[in-house]
Protein backbone atom coordinates (compact mmCIF):
# COMPACT_ATOMS: atom_id res chain seq x y z
CA MET A 1 -50.82 -2.57 2.59
CA THR A 2 -48.83 -6.03 3.51
CA SER A 3 -47.50 -8.08 0.47
CA ASP A 4 -48.27 -11.81 -0.03
CA PRO A 5 -45.23 -13.79 1.00
CA ASN A 6 -46.37 -16.53 -1.52
CA THR A 7 -46.17 -13.98 -4.50
CA GLU A 8 -42.77 -12.52 -3.01
CA ASN A 9 -41.51 -16.04 -2.12
CA ALA A 10 -41.75 -16.91 -6.25
CA SER A 11 -39.45 -14.10 -7.45
CA GLN A 12 -36.78 -15.44 -5.13
CA THR A 13 -33.69 -17.24 -5.66
CA THR A 14 -32.55 -20.34 -3.44
CA ALA A 15 -29.69 -18.02 -2.82
CA GLN A 16 -31.77 -15.37 -1.53
CA LEU A 17 -33.91 -17.67 0.44
CA GLU A 18 -30.59 -19.20 2.33
CA ALA A 19 -29.19 -16.06 3.11
CA ARG A 20 -32.64 -15.05 4.78
CA LEU A 21 -32.68 -18.11 6.68
CA ALA A 22 -29.19 -17.45 7.97
CA GLU A 23 -30.30 -13.92 8.92
CA THR A 24 -33.26 -15.80 10.80
CA ARG A 25 -30.84 -18.01 12.70
CA GLN A 26 -28.45 -15.10 13.58
CA ARG A 27 -31.17 -13.26 15.56
CA ASP A 28 -32.67 -16.64 16.87
CA ASN A 29 -36.31 -16.31 16.19
CA PRO A 30 -37.87 -19.70 15.87
CA GLN A 31 -40.87 -18.16 14.15
CA ASP A 32 -39.04 -16.60 11.39
CA GLN A 33 -36.53 -19.69 11.10
CA ILE A 34 -39.72 -22.05 10.67
CA GLN A 35 -41.06 -19.50 8.07
CA ALA A 36 -37.82 -19.43 6.11
CA LEU A 37 -37.18 -23.19 6.04
CA TYR A 38 -41.01 -23.14 4.89
CA ASP A 39 -40.25 -20.67 2.00
CA LEU A 40 -37.20 -22.23 1.09
CA GLY A 41 -38.22 -25.66 1.10
CA ARG A 42 -41.64 -24.88 -0.90
CA HIS A 43 -38.78 -22.93 -3.48
CA LEU A 44 -36.82 -25.98 -3.95
CA LEU A 45 -40.04 -28.11 -4.41
CA GLU A 46 -41.00 -25.95 -7.05
CA GLN A 47 -37.53 -26.68 -8.64
CA GLY A 48 -38.07 -30.34 -8.61
CA GLU A 49 -35.62 -30.63 -5.92
CA THR A 50 -37.67 -32.91 -3.66
CA PRO A 51 -34.91 -34.21 -1.65
CA GLN A 52 -33.68 -30.99 -0.23
CA ALA A 53 -37.00 -29.69 -0.02
CA LEU A 54 -38.05 -32.50 2.33
CA SER A 55 -34.90 -31.73 4.58
CA GLN A 56 -35.98 -27.83 4.84
CA PHE A 57 -39.45 -29.02 5.99
CA GLU A 58 -37.99 -31.34 8.56
CA ALA A 59 -36.02 -28.82 9.81
CA ALA A 60 -38.93 -26.63 10.23
CA LEU A 61 -41.02 -29.52 12.31
CA GLU A 62 -38.21 -29.80 14.44
CA ILE A 63 -37.65 -26.24 15.31
CA ALA A 64 -41.64 -26.02 15.62
CA GLY A 65 -41.19 -29.06 18.29
CA GLU A 66 -38.68 -28.00 20.67
CA ASN A 67 -40.24 -24.57 20.34
CA LYS A 68 -43.56 -26.11 21.75
CA ASP A 69 -41.82 -28.01 23.94
CA ARG A 70 -40.13 -24.87 25.54
CA GLU A 71 -43.17 -22.97 25.78
CA ALA A 72 -44.82 -26.00 27.58
CA ARG A 73 -42.79 -25.52 30.53
């Protein structure tokens, strides 16, 4: 049985989500980085930290665009 990532992320702290993001960057896996940035952004948005959330979403979109460009080559 898989757990629902939306439910899991609701109980995580900012520090935990930032640590998860750092781990994904070390593994250099764009899909995992995008998901971690999205999760952190959503968490920050729920905390009322809109500018910081927007930064995370923008970073996720940038990685997605770079990844799409690499796959197109």
